[in-house]
PDB file of N, CA and C in Angstrom:
ATOM      1  N   MET A   1       0.837  -1.165   0.000  1.00  0.00           N
ATOM      2  CA  MET A   1       0.000   0.000   0.000  1.00  0.00           C
ATOM      3  C   MET A   1       0.889   1.237   0.000  1.00  0.00           C
ATOM      4  N   PRO A   2       0.718   2.181  -0.957  1.00  0.00           N
ATOM      5  CA  PRO A   2       1.595   3.332  -1.033  1.00  0.00           C
ATOM      6  C   PRO A   2       1.380   4.264   0.148  1.00  0.00           C
ATOM      7  N   SER A   3       2.457   4.887   0.582  1.00  0.00           N
ATOM      8  CA  SER A   3       2.332   5.828   1.689  1.00  0.00           C
ATOM      9  C   SER A   3       2.055   7.219   1.155  1.00  0.00           C
ATOM     10  N   ALA A   4       1.430   8.048   1.990  1.00  0.00           N
ATOM     11  CA  ALA A   4       1.128   9.416   1.600  1.00  0.00           C
ATOM     12  C   ALA A   4       2.418  10.217   1.550  1.00  0.00           C
ATOM     13  N   GLN A   5       2.484  11.155   0.630  1.00  0.00           N
ATOM     14  CA  GLN A   5       3.658  11.988   0.480  1.00  0.00           C
ATOM     15  C   GLN A   5       3.218  13.437   0.386  1.00  0.00           C
ATOM     16  N   LYS A   6       4.116  14.347   0.749  1.00  0.00           N
ATOM     17  CA  LYS A   6       3.850  15.763   0.540  1.00  0.00           C
ATOM     18  C   LYS A   6       3.911  16.031  -0.952  1.00  0.00           C
ATOM     19  N   SER A   7       2.995  16.866  -1.450  1.00  0.00           N
ATOM     20  CA  SER A   7       3.035  17.191  -2.864  1.00  0.00           C
ATOM     21  C   SER A   7       4.220  18.089  -3.155  1.00  0.00           C
ATOM     22  N   SER A   8       4.680  18.073  -4.379  1.00  0.00           N
ATOM     23  CA  SER A   8       5.861  18.829  -4.756  1.00  0.00           C
ATOM     24  C   SER A   8       5.632  20.336  -4.688  1.00  0.00           C
ATOM     25  N   ASN A   9       4.382  20.787  -4.705  1.00  0.00           N
ATOM     26  CA  ASN A   9       4.118  22.219  -4.654  1.00  0.00           C
ATOM     27  C   ASN A   9       3.997  22.722  -3.222  1.00  0.00           C
ATOM     28  N   GLY A  10       4.261  21.858  -2.222  1.00  0.00           N
ATOM     29  CA  GLY A  10       4.190  22.270  -0.834  1.00  0.00           C
ATOM     30  C   GLY A  10       2.778  22.257  -0.285  1.00  0.00           C
ATOM     31  N   GLY A  11       1.815  21.781  -1.058  1.00  0.00           N
ATOM     32  CA  GLY A  11       0.425  21.760  -0.633  1.00  0.00           C
ATOM     33  C   GLY A  11       0.123  20.586   0.266  1.00  0.00           C
ATOM     34  N   GLY A  12      -1.063  20.035   0.144  1.00  0.00           N
ATOM     35  CA  GLY A  12      -1.500  18.940   0.982  1.00  0.00           C
ATOM     36  C   GLY A  12      -0.779  17.643   0.678  1.00  0.00           C
ATOM     37  N   LYS A  13      -1.120  16.626   1.429  1.00  0.00           N
ATOM     38  CA  LYS A  13      -0.493  15.321   1.227  1.00  0.00           C
ATOM     39  C   LYS A  13      -1.057  14.646  -0.011  1.00  0.00           C
ATOM     40  N   MET A  14      -0.197  13.886  -0.649  1.00  0.00           N
ATOM     41  CA  MET A  14      -0.584  13.140  -1.837  1.00  0.00           C
ATOM     42  C   MET A  14      -1.232  11.836  -1.401  1.00  0.00           C
ATOM     43  N   GLY A  15      -2.221  11.422  -2.139  1.00  0.00           N
ATOM     44  CA  GLY A  15      -2.880  10.157  -1.882  1.00  0.00           C
ATOM     45  C   GLY A  15      -3.112   9.440  -3.197  1.00  0.00           C
ATOM     46  N   MET A  16      -3.569   8.207  -3.124  1.00  0.00           N
ATOM     47  CA  MET A  16      -3.818   7.408  -4.315  1.00  0.00           C
ATOM     48  C   MET A  16      -5.207   7.709  -4.870  1.00  0.00           C
ATOM     49  N   VAL A  17      -5.279   7.933  -6.179  1.00  0.00           N
ATOM     50  CA  VAL A  17      -6.570   8.123  -6.842  1.00  0.00           C
ATOM     51  C   VAL A  17      -7.213   6.748  -6.971  1.00  0.00           C
ATOM     52  N   MET A  18      -8.454   6.639  -6.517  1.00  0.00           N
ATOM     53  CA  MET A  18      -9.171   5.370  -6.478  1.00  0.00           C
ATOM     54  C   MET A  18     -10.435   5.435  -7.324  1.00  0.00           C
ATOM     55  N   ILE A  19     -10.840   4.274  -7.826  1.00  0.00           N
ATOM     56  CA  ILE A  19     -12.138   4.132  -8.486  1.00  0.00           C
ATOM     57  C   ILE A  19     -12.813   2.882  -7.942  1.00  0.00           C
ATOM     58  N   LYS A  20     -14.079   2.716  -8.269  1.00  0.00           N
ATOM     59  CA  LYS A  20     -14.816   1.527  -7.849  1.00  0.00           C
ATOM     60  C   LYS A  20     -14.898   0.563  -9.027  1.00  0.00           C
ATOM     61  N   CYS A  21     -14.512  -0.685  -8.781  1.00  0.00           N
ATOM     62  CA  CYS A  21     -14.615  -1.716  -9.816  1.00  0.00           C
ATOM     63  C   CYS A  21     -16.098  -1.923 -10.110  1.00  0.00           C
ATOM     64  N   PRO A  22     -16.517  -1.744 -11.358  1.00  0.00           N
ATOM     65  CA  PRO A  22     -17.942  -1.904 -11.670  1.00  0.00           C
ATOM     66  C   PRO A  22     -18.444  -3.347 -11.543  1.00  0.00           C
ATOM     67  N   ARG A  23     -17.545  -4.308 -11.573  1.00  0.00           N
ATOM     68  CA  ARG A  23     -17.958  -5.715 -11.454  1.00  0.00           C
ATOM     69  C   ARG A  23     -18.081  -6.172 -10.010  1.00  0.00           C
ATOM     70  N   THR A  24     -17.145  -5.729  -9.158  1.00  0.00           N
ATOM     71  CA  THR A  24     -17.128  -6.207  -7.770  1.00  0.00           C
ATOM     72  C   THR A  24     -17.569  -5.158  -6.758  1.00  0.00           C
ATOM     73  N   GLY A  25     -17.524  -3.881  -7.149  1.00  0.00           N
ATOM     74  CA  GLY A  25     -17.877  -2.810  -6.220  1.00  0.00           C
ATOM     75  C   GLY A  25     -16.755  -2.438  -5.265  1.00  0.00           C
ATOM     76  N   GLN A  26     -15.595  -3.084  -5.395  1.00  0.00           N
ATOM     77  CA  GLN A  26     -14.473  -2.802  -4.501  1.00  0.00           C
ATOM     78  C   GLN A  26     -13.661  -1.616  -5.006  1.00  0.00           C
ATOM     79  N   ALA A  27     -13.082  -0.860  -4.074  1.00  0.00           N
ATOM     80  CA  ALA A  27     -12.217   0.260  -4.424  1.00  0.00           C
ATOM     81  C   ALA A  27     -10.901  -0.279  -4.954  1.00  0.00           C
ATOM     82  N   ILE A  28     -10.448   0.283  -6.070  1.00  0.00           N
ATOM     83  CA  ILE A  28      -9.171  -0.137  -6.653  1.00  0.00           C
ATOM     84  C   ILE A  28      -8.319   1.097  -6.945  1.00  0.00           C
ATOM     85  N   PRO A  29      -6.997   0.968  -6.797  1.00  0.00           N
ATOM     86  CA  PRO A  29      -6.115   2.100  -7.108  1.00  0.00           C
ATOM     87  C   PRO A  29      -5.938   2.253  -8.607  1.00  0.00           C
ATOM     88  N   THR A  30      -5.820   3.501  -9.054  1.00  0.00           N
ATOM     89  CA  THR A  30      -5.617   3.771 -10.474  1.00  0.00           C
ATOM     90  C   THR A  30      -4.150   3.831 -10.851  1.00  0.00           C
ATOM     91  N   GLY A  31      -3.278   3.909  -9.846  1.00  0.00           N
ATOM     92  CA  GLY A  31      -1.861   4.079 -10.111  1.00  0.00           C
ATOM     93  C   GLY A  31      -1.457   5.544 -10.143  1.00  0.00           C
ATOM     94  N   MET A  32      -2.428   6.445 -10.028  1.00  0.00           N
ATOM     95  CA  MET A  32      -2.151   7.885 -10.016  1.00  0.00           C
ATOM     96  C   MET A  32      -2.137   8.386  -8.584  1.00  0.00           C
ATOM     97  N   LYS A  33      -1.257   9.344  -8.292  1.00  0.00           N
ATOM     98  CA  LYS A  33      -1.245  10.007  -6.995  1.00  0.00           C
ATOM     99  C   LYS A  33      -1.610  11.465  -7.202  1.00  0.00           C
ATOM    100  N   ALA A  34      -2.337  12.035  -6.246  1.00  0.00           N
ATOM    101  CA  ALA A  34      -2.753  13.426  -6.365  1.00  0.00           C
ATOM    102  C   ALA A  34      -3.085  13.990  -4.996  1.00  0.00           C
ATOM    103  N   ASP A  35      -3.043  15.298  -4.896  1.00  0.00           N
ATOM    104  CA  ASP A  35      -3.527  16.011  -3.726  1.00  0.00           C
ATOM    105  C   ASP A  35      -5.052  16.089  -3.863  1.00  0.00           C
ATOM    106  N   ARG A  36      -5.778  15.780  -2.806  1.00  0.00           N
ATOM    107  CA  ARG A  36      -7.236  15.701  -2.871  1.00  0.00           C
ATOM    108  C   ARG A  36      -7.871  16.992  -3.394  1.00  0.00           C
ATOM    109  N   GLU A  37      -7.479  18.134  -2.857  1.00  0.00           N
ATOM    110  CA  GLU A  37      -8.086  19.408  -3.267  1.00  0.00           C
ATOM    111  C   GLU A  37      -7.760  19.751  -4.718  1.00  0.00           C
ATOM    112  N   ARG A  38      -6.530  19.525  -5.128  1.00  0.00           N
ATOM    113  CA  ARG A  38      -6.166  19.814  -6.518  1.00  0.00           C
ATOM    114  C   ARG A  38      -6.872  18.854  -7.469  1.00  0.00           C
ATOM    115  N   PHE A  39      -7.047  17.588  -7.058  1.00  0.00           N
ATOM    116  CA  PHE A  39      -7.732  16.622  -7.908  1.00  0.00           C
ATOM    117  C   PHE A  39      -9.192  17.035  -8.113  1.00  0.00           C
ATOM    118  N   ARG A  40      -9.841  17.486  -7.032  1.00  0.00           N
ATOM    119  CA  ARG A  40     -11.238  17.935  -7.132  1.00  0.00           C
ATOM    120  C   ARG A  40     -11.408  19.086  -8.113  1.00  0.00           C
ATOM    121  N   SER A  41     -10.421  19.959  -8.183  1.00  0.00           N
ATOM    122  CA  SER A  41     -10.536  21.129  -9.050  1.00  0.00           C
ATOM    123  C   SER A  41      -9.900  20.917 -10.422  1.00  0.00           C
ATOM    124  N   SER A  42      -9.422  19.723 -10.699  1.00  0.00           N
ATOM    125  CA  SER A  42      -8.800  19.456 -12.000  1.00  0.00           C
ATOM    126  C   SER A  42      -9.867  19.385 -13.090  1.00  0.00           C
ATOM    127  N   PRO A  43      -9.463  19.631 -14.336  1.00  0.00           N
ATOM    128  CA  PRO A  43     -10.423  19.524 -15.439  1.00  0.00           C
ATOM    129  C   PRO A  43     -10.936  18.088 -15.574  1.00  0.00           C
ATOM    130  N   VAL A  44     -12.095  17.961 -16.161  1.00  0.00           N
ATOM    131  CA  VAL A  44     -12.675  16.628 -16.375  1.00  0.00           C
ATOM    132  C   VAL A  44     -11.776  15.872 -17.348  1.00  0.00           C
ATOM    133  N   PHE A  45     -11.491  14.630 -17.033  1.00  0.00           N
ATOM    134  CA  PHE A  45     -10.710  13.804 -17.947  1.00  0.00           C
ATOM    135  C   PHE A  45     -11.213  12.372 -17.888  1.00  0.00           C
ATOM    136  N   PHE A  46     -10.831  11.613 -18.875  1.00  0.00           N
ATOM    137  CA  PHE A  46     -11.222  10.218 -19.046  1.00  0.00           C
ATOM    138  C   PHE A  46      -9.956   9.379 -18.966  1.00  0.00           C
ATOM    139  N   ALA A  47     -10.031   8.223 -18.317  1.00  0.00           N
ATOM    140  CA  ALA A  47      -8.857   7.357 -18.194  1.00  0.00           C
ATOM    141  C   ALA A  47      -9.277   5.891 -18.167  1.00  0.00           C
ATOM    142  N   ARG A  48      -8.297   5.032 -18.254  1.00  0.00           N
ATOM    143  CA  ARG A  48      -8.499   3.585 -18.155  1.00  0.00           C
ATOM    144  C   ARG A  48      -7.562   3.046 -17.083  1.00  0.00           C
ATOM    145  N   THR A  49      -8.051   2.057 -16.348  1.00  0.00           N
ATOM    146  CA  THR A  49      -7.245   1.420 -15.309  1.00  0.00           C
ATOM    147  C   THR A  49      -7.451  -0.080 -15.393  1.00  0.00           C
ATOM    148  N   PHE A  50      -6.357  -0.830 -15.319  1.00  0.00           N
ATOM    149  CA  PHE A  50      -6.459  -2.288 -15.287  1.00  0.00           C
ATOM    150  C   PHE A  50      -6.762  -2.718 -13.859  1.00  0.00           C
ATOM    151  N   CYS A  51      -7.790  -3.520 -13.683  1.00  0.00           N
ATOM    152  CA  CYS A  51      -8.227  -3.987 -12.366  1.00  0.00           C
ATOM    153  C   CYS A  51      -7.630  -5.372 -12.098  1.00  0.00           C
ATOM    154  N   LEU A  52      -6.855  -5.449 -11.029  1.00  0.00           N
ATOM    155  CA  LEU A  52      -6.253  -6.732 -10.662  1.00  0.00           C
ATOM    156  C   LEU A  52      -7.280  -7.696 -10.075  1.00  0.00           C
ATOM    157  N   ILE A  53      -8.409  -7.178  -9.621  1.00  0.00           N
ATOM    158  CA  ILE A  53      -9.429  -8.039  -9.022  1.00  0.00           C
ATOM    159  C   ILE A  53     -10.159  -8.842 -10.090  1.00  0.00           C
ATOM    160  N   CYS A  54     -10.671  -8.168 -11.120  1.00  0.00           N
ATOM    161  CA  CYS A  54     -11.441  -8.892 -12.146  1.00  0.00           C
ATOM    162  C   CYS A  54     -10.686  -9.037 -13.469  1.00  0.00           C
ATOM    163  N   GLN A  55      -9.415  -8.591 -13.487  1.00  0.00           N
ATOM    164  CA  GLN A  55      -8.552  -8.765 -14.659  1.00  0.00           C
ATOM    165  C   GLN A  55      -9.129  -8.127 -15.922  1.00  0.00           C
ATOM    166  N   ALA A  56      -9.673  -6.909 -15.777  1.00  0.00           N
ATOM    167  CA  ALA A  56     -10.250  -6.204 -16.919  1.00  0.00           C
ATOM    168  C   ALA A  56      -9.850  -4.733 -16.853  1.00  0.00           C
ATOM    169  N   ASN A  57      -9.899  -4.064 -18.005  1.00  0.00           N
ATOM    170  CA  ASN A  57      -9.679  -2.620 -18.050  1.00  0.00           C
ATOM    171  C   ASN A  57     -10.998  -1.922 -17.764  1.00  0.00           C
ATOM    172  N   HIS A  58     -10.955  -0.932 -16.885  1.00  0.00           N
ATOM    173  CA  HIS A  58     -12.140  -0.139 -16.565  1.00  0.00           C
ATOM    174  C   HIS A  58     -11.926   1.280 -17.062  1.00  0.00           C
ATOM    175  N   GLU A  59     -12.903   1.811 -17.764  1.00  0.00           N
ATOM    176  CA  GLU A  59     -12.864   3.184 -18.229  1.00  0.00           C
ATOM    177  C   GLU A  59     -13.608   4.031 -17.219  1.00  0.00           C
ATOM    178  N   TRP A  60     -13.070   5.222 -16.919  1.00  0.00           N
ATOM    179  CA  TRP A  60     -13.681   6.063 -15.905  1.00  0.00           C
ATOM    180  C   TRP A  60     -13.405   7.539 -16.166  1.00  0.00           C
ATOM    181  N   PHE A  61     -14.286   8.379 -15.615  1.00  0.00           N
ATOM    182  CA  PHE A  61     -14.122   9.820 -15.665  1.00  0.00           C
ATOM    183  C   PHE A  61     -13.634  10.293 -14.299  1.00  0.00           C
ATOM    184  N   ALA A  62     -12.923  11.392 -14.276  1.00  0.00           N
ATOM    185  CA  ALA A  62     -12.372  11.932 -13.033  1.00  0.00           C
ATOM    186  C   ALA A  62     -13.461  12.136 -11.983  1.00  0.00           C
ATOM    187  N   ARG A  63     -14.661  12.516 -12.382  1.00  0.00           N
ATOM    188  CA  ARG A  63     -15.738  12.766 -11.401  1.00  0.00           C
ATOM    189  C   ARG A  63     -16.152  11.486 -10.664  1.00  0.00           C
ATOM    190  N   GLU A  64     -15.806  10.319 -11.201  1.00  0.00           N
ATOM    191  CA  GLU A  64     -16.133   9.040 -10.560  1.00  0.00           C
ATOM    192  C   GLU A  64     -15.049   8.585  -9.583  1.00  0.00           C
ATOM    193  N   ALA A  65     -13.916   9.276  -9.578  1.00  0.00           N
ATOM    194  CA  ALA A  65     -12.767   8.871  -8.764  1.00  0.00           C
ATOM    195  C   ALA A  65     -12.656   9.730  -7.509  1.00  0.00           C
ATOM    196  N   TRP A  66     -11.848   9.268  -6.576  1.00  0.00           N
ATOM    197  CA  TRP A  66     -11.566  10.030  -5.363  1.00  0.00           C
ATOM    198  C   TRP A  66     -10.125   9.761  -4.955  1.00  0.00           C
ATOM    199  N   VAL A  67      -9.608  10.638  -4.109  1.00  0.00           N
ATOM    200  CA  VAL A  67      -8.251  10.469  -3.607  1.00  0.00           C
ATOM    201  C   VAL A  67      -8.328   9.878  -2.212  1.00  0.00           C
ATOM    202  N   ARG A  68      -7.710   8.722  -2.043  1.00  0.00           N
ATOM    203  CA  ARG A  68      -7.655   8.080  -0.731  1.00  0.00           C
ATOM    204  C   ARG A  68      -6.703   8.886   0.139  1.00  0.00           C
ATOM    205  N   GLU A  69      -7.212   9.334   1.250  1.00  0.00           N
ATOM    206  CA  GLU A  69      -6.443  10.177   2.158  1.00  0.00           C
ATOM    207  C   GLU A  69      -5.408   9.348   2.905  1.00  0.00           C
ATOM    208  N   PRO A  70      -4.483  10.023   3.592  1.00  0.00           N
ATOM    209  CA  PRO A  70      -3.517   9.278   4.414  1.00  0.00           C
ATOM    210  C   PRO A  70      -4.232   8.301   5.337  1.00  0.00           C
ATOM    211  N   GLU A  71      -3.580   7.230   5.655  1.00  0.00           N
ATOM    212  CA  GLU A  71      -4.167   6.065   6.334  1.00  0.00           C
ATOM    213  C   GLU A  71      -5.101   6.395   7.505  1.00  0.00           C
ATOM    214  N   GLU A  72      -4.700   7.245   8.438  1.00  0.00           N
ATOM    215  CA  GLU A  72      -5.533   7.502   9.613  1.00  0.00           C
ATOM    216  C   GLU A  72      -6.850   8.166   9.225  1.00  0.00           C
ATOM    217  N   LYS A  73      -6.779   9.194   8.393  1.00  0.00           N
ATOM    218  CA  LYS A  73      -7.990   9.896   7.964  1.00  0.00           C
ATOM    219  C   LYS A  73      -8.863   8.973   7.126  1.00  0.00           C
ATOM    220  N   TRP A  74      -8.243   8.128   6.287  1.00  0.00           N
ATOM    221  CA  TRP A  74      -8.989   7.239   5.405  1.00  0.00           C
ATOM    222  C   TRP A  74      -9.806   6.235   6.214  1.00  0.00           C
ATOM    223  N   ARG A  75      -9.219   5.697   7.282  1.00  0.00           N
ATOM    224  CA  ARG A  75      -9.948   4.733   8.115  1.00  0.00           C
ATOM    225  C   ARG A  75     -11.165   5.386   8.757  1.00  0.00           C
ATOM    226  N   MET A  76     -11.017   6.629   9.239  1.00  0.00           N
ATOM    227  CA  MET A  76     -12.153   7.330   9.844  1.00  0.00           C
ATOM    228  C   MET A  76     -13.224   7.598   8.792  1.00  0.00           C
ATOM    229  N   HIS A  77     -12.810   8.003   7.589  1.00  0.00           N
ATOM    230  CA  HIS A  77     -13.758   8.277   6.505  1.00  0.00           C
ATOM    231  C   HIS A  77     -14.480   6.990   6.091  1.00  0.00           C
ATOM    232  N   GLU A  78     -13.756   5.896   6.001  1.00  0.00           N
ATOM    233  CA  GLU A  78     -14.349   4.616   5.623  1.00  0.00           C
ATOM    234  C   GLU A  78     -15.388   4.173   6.648  1.00  0.00           C
ATOM    235  N   ALA A  79     -15.089   4.346   7.936  1.00  0.00           N
ATOM    236  CA  ALA A  79     -16.031   3.987   8.989  1.00  0.00           C
ATOM    237  C   ALA A  79     -17.283   4.842   8.925  1.00  0.00           C
ATOM    238  N   ALA A  80     -17.123   6.143   8.668  1.00  0.00           N
ATOM    239  CA  ALA A  80     -18.268   7.043   8.557  1.00  0.00           C
ATOM    240  C   ALA A  80     -19.122   6.666   7.354  1.00  0.00           C
ATOM    241  N   PHE A  81     -18.484   6.319   6.225  1.00  0.00           N
ATOM    242  CA  PHE A  81     -19.213   5.922   5.029  1.00  0.00           C
ATOM    243  C   PHE A  81     -20.000   4.644   5.272  1.00  0.00           C
ATOM    244  N   ALA A  82     -19.406   3.686   5.995  1.00  0.00           N
ATOM    245  CA  ALA A  82     -20.091   2.419   6.288  1.00  0.00           C
ATOM    246  C   ALA A  82     -21.332   2.673   7.137  1.00  0.00           C
ATOM    247  N   LEU A  83     -21.248   3.602   8.061  1.00  0.00           N
ATOM    248  CA  LEU A  83     -22.404   3.936   8.896  1.00  0.00           C
ATOM    249  C   LEU A  83     -23.518   4.566   8.073  1.00  0.00           C
ATOM    250  N   GLN A  84     -23.150   5.426   7.120  1.00  0.00           N
ATOM    251  CA  GLN A  84     -24.140   6.072   6.255  1.00  0.00           C
ATOM    252  C   GLN A  84     -24.811   5.070   5.342  1.00  0.00           C
ATOM    253  N   SER A  85     -24.073   4.081   4.895  1.00  0.00           N
ATOM    254  CA  SER A  85     -24.595   3.092   3.953  1.00  0.00           C
ATOM    255  C   SER A  85     -25.472   2.045   4.637  1.00  0.00           C
ATOM    256  N   ALA A  86     -25.325   1.904   5.945  1.00  0.00           N
ATOM    257  CA  ALA A  86     -26.068   0.866   6.674  1.00  0.00           C
ATOM    258  C   ALA A  86     -27.530   1.207   6.834  1.00  0.00           C
TER     259      ALA A  86
END
């Protein structure tokens, strides 16, 4: 699992850009790293990611992706999301 890094521009911490596998519903890494705030404000783009879970290429738009925050914050966010979904 990649560790969070400071962005080169001195801004927030870098995290892994994630998408949801359309076949399994599991979060998968895209291989891209980004600062969460800068990623949110980036122009709309289209990309493809190979999914190791279902062994297929998934096409996705930036609006469907999110940046996984550093480990501690991510665990709290994941727990809050699970409560909302229940």
